[in-house]
Amino acid sequence: MDGRAAELVFGTVQLGLDYGVANRTGKPLHGAALKLVRRAADAGVVQFDTARAYGDSERRLGEALDGRRVRTITKLSPLAGLSAGATRDEVRGAVDASIAESLQALRRRQIDCLLLHRAAHMTAFGGAVWERLLERLGDGSVRTLGVSVQSPEEALAALASRDVKHIQMPFNLLDWRWREAGVADTAEQRGDVTVHARSVFLQGLLASNDPAIWPRVDGVDAAAVLDLVVQLTKEFGRESAADLCIAYARGQKFIDGVVIGLETEEQLDANLRLSVKPPLGESECAAIEKRVPHLPESLLNPALWPKP
């Protein structure tokens, strides 16, 4: 957190899975995915986000970036194969297997940053997951540890650990939860934690201008929210809703990187351009926060969206 505007981080879930309510193109073909990643690296993108659970995303990323000096952030397996009563040795074995598979897929000798995909794994299984990760940090297999969080409660719990040096969190201009819970202030006070924001378009809803794709959540008027986004875009002189969303996230003092999922070269070009434009200032962000409605968590957290 050195005062610079947050940089673009290439999110690669779409390279390994069909993902996102606004994804119209689907998972790219193998050759197209490699070309896309290499073009991003050639254009100056230096951080790439992936996960064990993202299908063959790690493998594609490893092939595309083999030999390049970039920072790769991946996430531990969700450990779905472990039973609630798994032994300490079983847990440690599962952690080691996930790390080994990531290293092989990414073609690396060391993982730059490894996040828990499930924040609950900090304390699950009697702390055995986190204990083993600290050991792997010590042996040099992993350079930095962090947590991918879903809620302010998870973020605050992660920030309470000095061993956590990286937080990834969903964040967008509608999401009041992080500010009101004190996550932004706590992260700034820590100073030694890198914070990356994902889902700045709320899985594409905010940039789509299509209320039909929004989940049906009580108390949410999708058309009215999108109308407000259009108004704010014009008032703050931004070229599009996507520009507004990125500029707002990049204008937050506590955010160091904005993770944006990409599946086409057109999207890459557009987001590269938007990510070097001036971010919104502190007063502009505050003005937006006063204007947006206090929407329910059942919209802000996609995990709570009703099934279509």
Protein backbone atom coordinates (compact mmCIF):
# COMPACT_ATOMS: atom_id res chain seq x y z
CA MET A 1 0.00 0.00 0.00
CA ASP A 2 2.28 2.72 -1.29
CA GLY A 3 -0.28 5.24 -2.51
CA ARG A 4 -0.34 4.12 -6.14
CA ALA A 5 -3.64 3.37 -7.84
CA ALA A 6 -4.54 -0.31 -7.84
CA GLU A 7 -3.16 -2.24 -10.80
CA LEU A 8 -4.88 -4.70 -13.12
CA VAL A 9 -4.58 -8.34 -12.08
CA PHE A 10 -5.52 -10.90 -14.74
CA GLY A 11 -8.19 -13.22 -13.35
CA THR A 12 -8.09 -16.62 -15.04
CA VAL A 13 -11.12 -18.53 -13.79
CA GLN A 14 -12.67 -18.15 -17.27
CA LEU A 15 -9.63 -19.84 -18.81
CA GLY A 16 -10.44 -23.05 -16.95
CA LEU A 17 -14.21 -22.99 -16.55
CA ASP A 18 -17.40 -21.59 -18.08
CA TYR A 19 -17.95 -18.91 -15.45
CA GLY A 20 -20.04 -15.79 -14.81
CA VAL A 21 -23.62 -14.79 -15.53
CA ALA A 22 -22.47 -12.22 -18.10
CA ASN A 23 -20.02 -14.55 -19.87
CA ARG A 24 -21.30 -14.81 -23.46
CA THR A 25 -18.28 -16.51 -25.05
CA GLY A 26 -17.57 -19.41 -22.70
CA LYS A 27 -14.22 -21.00 -21.95
CA PRO A 28 -11.70 -20.09 -24.68
CA LEU A 29 -9.98 -22.74 -26.75
CA HIS A 30 -6.52 -23.80 -25.60
CA GLY A 31 -4.53 -21.85 -28.18
CA ALA A 32 -6.65 -18.73 -27.73
CA ALA A 33 -6.17 -18.88 -23.96
CA LEU A 34 -2.38 -19.11 -24.27
CA LYS A 35 -2.30 -16.23 -26.75
CA LEU A 36 -4.47 -14.10 -24.45
CA VAL A 37 -2.23 -14.66 -21.41
CA ARG A 38 0.95 -13.98 -23.36
CA ARG A 39 -0.51 -10.80 -24.84
CA ALA A 40 -1.37 -9.62 -21.34
CA ALA A 41 2.17 -10.30 -20.11
CA ASP A 42 3.64 -8.56 -23.16
CA ALA A 43 1.41 -5.56 -22.41
CA GLY A 44 2.80 -5.24 -18.89
CA VAL A 45 0.43 -7.26 -16.73
CA VAL A 46 2.61 -8.81 -14.02
CA GLN A 47 0.09 -10.51 -11.72
CA PHE A 48 -2.13 -13.46 -12.63
CA ASP A 49 -4.76 -14.98 -10.34
CA THR A 50 -5.79 -18.63 -10.50
CA ALA A 51 -6.75 -21.58 -8.28
CA ARG A 52 -6.59 -25.34 -8.03
CA ALA A 53 -10.39 -25.36 -8.36
CA TYR A 54 -10.43 -23.41 -11.65
CA GLY A 55 -10.43 -26.42 -13.96
CA ASP A 56 -7.31 -26.38 -16.14
CA SER A 57 -6.61 -22.68 -15.54
CA GLU A 58 -3.35 -23.33 -13.68
CA ARG A 59 -2.09 -25.63 -16.42
CA ARG A 60 -2.89 -23.14 -19.17
CA LEU A 61 -1.32 -20.32 -17.19
CA GLY A 62 1.81 -22.35 -16.55
CA GLU A 63 2.22 -23.17 -20.23
CA ALA A 64 1.62 -19.61 -21.35
CA LEU A 65 3.93 -18.01 -18.79
CA ASP A 66 6.71 -20.59 -18.69
CA GLY A 67 10.00 -18.75 -18.22
CA ARG A 68 8.42 -15.32 -17.76
CA ARG A 69 8.99 -13.16 -14.69
CA VAL A 70 5.48 -12.55 -13.42
CA ARG A 71 3.72 -13.08 -10.09
CA THR A 72 1.25 -15.93 -9.90
CA ILE A 73 -1.35 -16.07 -7.16
CA THR A 74 -3.13 -19.39 -6.73
CA LYS A 75 -5.48 -20.91 -4.18
CA LEU A 76 -5.30 -24.11 -2.22
CA SER A 77 -7.70 -26.86 -3.17
CA PRO A 78 -11.07 -26.47 -1.39
CA LEU A 79 -10.18 -29.86 0.20
CA ALA A 80 -13.65 -31.19 -0.57
CA GLY A 81 -12.34 -34.77 -0.40
CA LEU A 82 -11.57 -34.53 3.31
CA SER A 83 -14.20 -35.69 5.78
CA ALA A 84 -15.01 -33.58 8.84
CA GLY A 85 -13.16 -36.14 10.94
CA ALA A 86 -10.02 -36.27 8.82
CA THR A 87 -6.83 -36.93 10.74
CA ARG A 88 -4.01 -34.43 10.99
CA ASP A 89 -1.88 -36.56 8.65
CA GLU A 90 -4.70 -36.77 6.10
CA VAL A 91 -5.09 -32.99 6.17
CA ARG A 92 -1.38 -32.40 5.78
CA GLY A 93 -1.26 -34.87 2.91
CA ALA A 94 -4.12 -33.09 1.14
CA VAL A 95 -2.40 -29.71 1.54
CA ASP A 96 0.86 -31.10 0.20
CA ALA A 97 -0.92 -32.72 -2.75
CA SER A 98 -2.58 -29.43 -3.67
CA ILE A 99 0.72 -27.55 -3.52
CA ALA A 100 2.51 -30.21 -5.58
CA GLU A 101 -0.22 -30.16 -8.24
CA SER A 102 -0.11 -26.36 -8.41
CA LEU A 103 3.66 -26.28 -8.75
CA GLN A 104 3.57 -28.85 -11.54
CA ALA A 105 0.72 -27.15 -13.41
CA LEU A 106 2.25 -23.67 -13.05
CA ARG A 107 5.72 -24.97 -13.97
CA ARG A 108 7.21 -23.29 -10.95
CA ARG A 109 9.57 -24.33 -8.17
CA GLN A 110 7.90 -21.92 -5.77
CA ILE A 111 4.39 -20.51 -5.47
CA ASP A 112 4.56 -16.72 -5.32
CA CYS A 113 1.36 -16.38 -3.28
CA LEU A 114 -0.91 -19.14 -2.01
CA LEU A 115 -4.35 -18.27 -0.69
CA LEU A 116 -6.81 -20.35 1.24
CA HIS A 117 -9.79 -20.80 -1.08
CA ARG A 118 -11.95 -21.32 2.00
CA ALA A 119 -11.34 -18.84 4.82
CA ALA A 120 -12.72 -21.39 7.30
CA HIS A 121 -9.61 -23.50 6.67
CA MET A 122 -7.58 -21.13 8.85
CA THR A 123 -9.03 -22.90 11.87
CA ALA A 124 -10.59 -26.07 10.40
CA PHE A 125 -9.31 -29.53 11.31
CA GLY A 126 -7.83 -28.21 14.54
CA GLY A 127 -5.72 -25.71 12.65
CA ALA A 128 -3.88 -28.45 10.70
CA VAL A 129 -4.31 -26.77 7.28
CA TRP A 130 -2.81 -23.46 8.33
CA GLU A 131 -0.12 -25.20 10.38
CA ARG A 132 1.04 -27.13 7.32
CA LEU A 133 0.97 -24.01 5.14
CA LEU A 134 3.22 -22.21 7.60
CA GLU A 135 5.64 -25.12 7.39
CA ARG A 136 5.61 -24.95 3.60
CA LEU A 137 6.23 -21.22 3.86
CA GLY A 138 9.22 -22.05 6.02
CA ASP A 139 10.65 -24.60 3.56
CA GLY A 140 10.44 -22.16 0.66
CA SER A 141 7.73 -23.91 -1.37
CA VAL A 142 5.53 -20.85 -0.89
CA ARG A 143 6.67 -17.23 -0.71
CA THR A 144 3.53 -15.59 0.71
CA LEU A 145 0.32 -16.80 2.35
CA GLY A 146 -3.10 -15.24 2.27
CA VAL A 147 -6.84 -15.81 2.30
CA SER A 148 -9.63 -15.45 -0.24
CA VAL A 149 -12.56 -14.14 1.77
CA GLN A 150 -16.29 -13.84 1.12
CA SER A 151 -17.42 -11.62 4.00
CA PRO A 152 -16.16 -8.80 6.23
CA GLU A 153 -16.11 -11.22 9.17
CA GLU A 154 -13.73 -13.51 7.30
CA ALA A 155 -11.58 -10.56 6.25
CA LEU A 156 -11.22 -9.25 9.79
CA ALA A 157 -10.34 -12.72 11.09
CA ALA A 158 -7.68 -13.07 8.40
CA LEU A 159 -6.27 -9.60 9.06
CA ALA A 160 -5.89 -10.52 12.73
CA SER A 161 -3.18 -13.02 11.74
CA ARG A 162 0.26 -11.55 11.14
CA ASP A 163 1.08 -14.51 8.89
CA VAL A 164 -1.58 -13.38 6.41
CA LYS A 165 0.06 -11.06 3.88
CA HIS A 166 -2.55 -11.12 1.14
CA ILE A 167 -6.34 -10.75 1.10
CA GLN A 168 -8.60 -11.21 -1.89
CA MET A 169 -12.16 -9.99 -1.48
CA PRO A 170 -15.24 -9.23 -3.58
CA PHE A 171 -15.73 -5.47 -3.85
CA ASN A 172 -17.73 -3.08 -6.00
CA LEU A 173 -19.28 0.37 -5.81
CA LEU A 174 -22.53 -1.02 -4.34
CA ASP A 175 -20.85 -2.97 -1.56
CA TRP A 176 -21.05 -0.98 1.69
CA ARG A 177 -20.20 -3.97 3.93
CA TRP A 178 -16.40 -3.65 3.94
CA ARG A 179 -16.41 0.02 4.79
CA GLU A 180 -19.00 -0.24 7.57
CA ALA A 181 -17.34 -3.30 9.15
CA GLY A 182 -13.98 -1.52 9.31
CA VAL A 183 -12.16 -3.81 6.89
CA ALA A 184 -10.77 -0.93 4.84
CA ASP A 185 -9.42 0.84 7.94
CA THR A 186 -7.97 -2.37 9.40
CA ALA A 187 -6.19 -3.25 6.17
CA GLU A 188 -4.70 0.25 5.94
CA GLN A 189 -3.55 0.07 9.55
CA ARG A 190 -1.80 -3.24 8.91
CA GLY A 191 0.16 -1.73 6.05
CA ASP A 192 1.94 -5.02 5.25
CA VAL A 193 -1.04 -6.73 3.60
CA THR A 194 -1.72 -6.70 -0.12
CA VAL A 195 -5.44 -6.41 -0.87
CA HIS A 196 -6.90 -7.46 -4.20
CA ALA A 197 -10.51 -6.79 -5.13
CA ARG A 198 -12.43 -9.17 -7.35
CA SER A 199 -15.93 -8.95 -8.82
CA VAL A 200 -15.78 -5.17 -9.31
CA PHE A 201 -18.61 -5.57 -11.84
CA LEU A 202 -20.55 -7.85 -9.43
CA GLN A 203 -20.06 -10.82 -11.76
CA GLY A 204 -20.81 -8.62 -14.74
CA LEU A 205 -24.14 -7.21 -13.56
CA LEU A 206 -22.99 -3.61 -13.19
CA ALA A 207 -21.36 -3.40 -16.60
CA SER A 208 -24.06 -5.25 -18.51
CA ASN A 209 -26.83 -2.61 -18.61
CA ASP A 210 -29.21 -5.59 -18.71
CA PRO A 211 -31.57 -5.93 -15.73
CA ALA A 212 -32.83 -9.24 -17.12
CA ILE A 213 -29.65 -11.07 -16.05
CA TRP A 214 -29.85 -9.83 -12.47
CA PRO A 215 -30.92 -12.33 -9.80
CA ARG A 216 -34.40 -11.74 -8.41
CA VAL A 217 -33.70 -10.45 -4.90
CA ASP A 218 -36.40 -8.89 -2.71
CA GLY A 219 -35.97 -5.15 -2.34
CA VAL A 220 -33.72 -4.76 -5.39
CA ASP A 221 -34.86 -2.82 -8.44
CA ALA A 222 -32.22 -3.81 -10.98
CA ALA A 223 -33.34 -1.28 -13.59
CA ALA A 224 -33.20 1.57 -11.08
CA VAL A 225 -29.70 0.57 -9.94
CA LEU A 226 -28.48 0.42 -13.52
CA ASP A 227 -30.06 3.81 -14.23
CA LEU A 228 -28.12 5.23 -11.29
CA VAL A 229 -24.90 3.69 -12.62
CA VAL A 230 -25.54 5.39 -15.98
CA GLN A 231 -26.13 8.73 -14.22
CA LEU A 232 -22.94 8.41 -12.16
CA THR A 233 -20.96 7.44 -15.24
CA LYS A 234 -22.02 10.67 -16.95
CA GLU A 235 -21.61 12.87 -13.87
CA PHE A 236 -18.05 11.73 -13.22
CA GLY A 237 -17.02 11.88 -16.85
CA ARG A 238 -16.32 8.18 -17.27
CA GLU A 239 -16.71 6.54 -20.65
CA SER A 240 -18.73 3.53 -19.50
CA ALA A 241 -20.11 1.71 -16.48
CA ALA A 242 -17.05 -0.56 -16.59
CA ASP A 243 -14.80 2.51 -16.46
CA LEU A 244 -16.73 3.83 -13.45
CA CYS A 245 -16.53 0.52 -11.59
CA ILE A 246 -12.81 0.10 -12.18
CA ALA A 247 -12.04 3.74 -11.36
CA TYR A 248 -13.98 3.46 -8.10
CA ALA A 249 -12.14 0.32 -6.98
CA ARG A 250 -8.76 1.72 -8.03
CA GLY A 251 -9.53 4.86 -6.03
CA GLN A 252 -9.73 3.00 -2.73
CA LYS A 253 -6.65 3.56 -0.58
CA PHE A 254 -6.69 0.05 0.83
CA ILE A 255 -6.90 -1.79 -2.52
CA ASP A 256 -3.66 -2.66 -4.32
CA GLY A 257 -4.97 -4.67 -7.26
CA VAL A 258 -8.20 -5.25 -9.15
CA VAL A 259 -8.73 -8.81 -10.37
CA ILE A 260 -10.66 -8.83 -13.63
CA GLY A 261 -11.58 -12.06 -15.36
CA LEU A 262 -10.84 -12.09 -19.07
CA GLU A 263 -11.69 -14.54 -21.83
CA THR A 264 -11.19 -12.54 -25.05
CA GLU A 265 -8.54 -10.26 -26.50
CA GLU A 266 -11.15 -7.53 -26.91
CA GLN A 267 -11.82 -7.62 -23.16
CA LEU A 268 -8.08 -7.52 -22.48
CA ASP A 269 -7.60 -4.45 -24.66
CA ALA A 270 -10.54 -2.66 -23.09
CA ASN A 271 -9.49 -3.37 -19.51
CA LEU A 272 -5.84 -2.53 -20.13
CA ARG A 273 -6.94 0.86 -21.36
CA LEU A 274 -9.36 1.46 -18.48
CA SER A 275 -6.80 0.37 -15.90
CA VAL A 276 -4.34 3.14 -16.72
CA LYS A 277 -6.89 5.93 -16.67
CA PRO A 278 -6.94 8.15 -13.55
CA PRO A 279 -8.90 6.56 -10.70
CA LEU A 280 -11.67 8.39 -8.91
CA GLY A 281 -10.51 10.65 -6.11
CA GLU A 282 -11.40 10.23 -2.45
CA SER A 283 -14.13 12.88 -2.59
CA GLU A 284 -15.61 11.35 -5.73
CA CYS A 285 -15.73 7.91 -4.14
CA ALA A 286 -17.40 9.40 -1.07
CA ALA A 287 -20.00 11.11 -3.27
CA ILE A 288 -20.84 7.81 -4.94
CA GLU A 289 -21.16 6.09 -1.57
CA LYS A 290 -23.77 8.65 -0.53
CA ARG A 291 -25.80 8.06 -3.67
CA VAL A 292 -25.94 4.28 -3.96
CA PRO A 293 -28.77 2.46 -2.15
CA HIS A 294 -28.09 0.26 0.87
CA LEU A 295 -28.74 -3.03 -0.90
CA PRO A 296 -29.17 -6.39 0.88
CA GLU A 297 -26.33 -8.84 1.31
CA SER A 298 -28.40 -11.36 -0.65
CA LEU A 299 -27.52 -9.33 -3.74
CA LEU A 300 -23.99 -8.33 -2.78
CA ASN A 301 -22.94 -11.94 -2.11
CA PRO A 302 -23.45 -14.08 -5.24
CA ALA A 303 -23.32 -17.22 -3.10
CA LEU A 304 -26.72 -16.12 -1.73
CA TRP A 305 -28.34 -15.51 -5.10
CA PRO A 306 -31.46 -17.61 -5.71
CA LYS A 307 -30.99 -20.45 -8.14
CA PRO A 308 -32.44 -19.65 -11.59
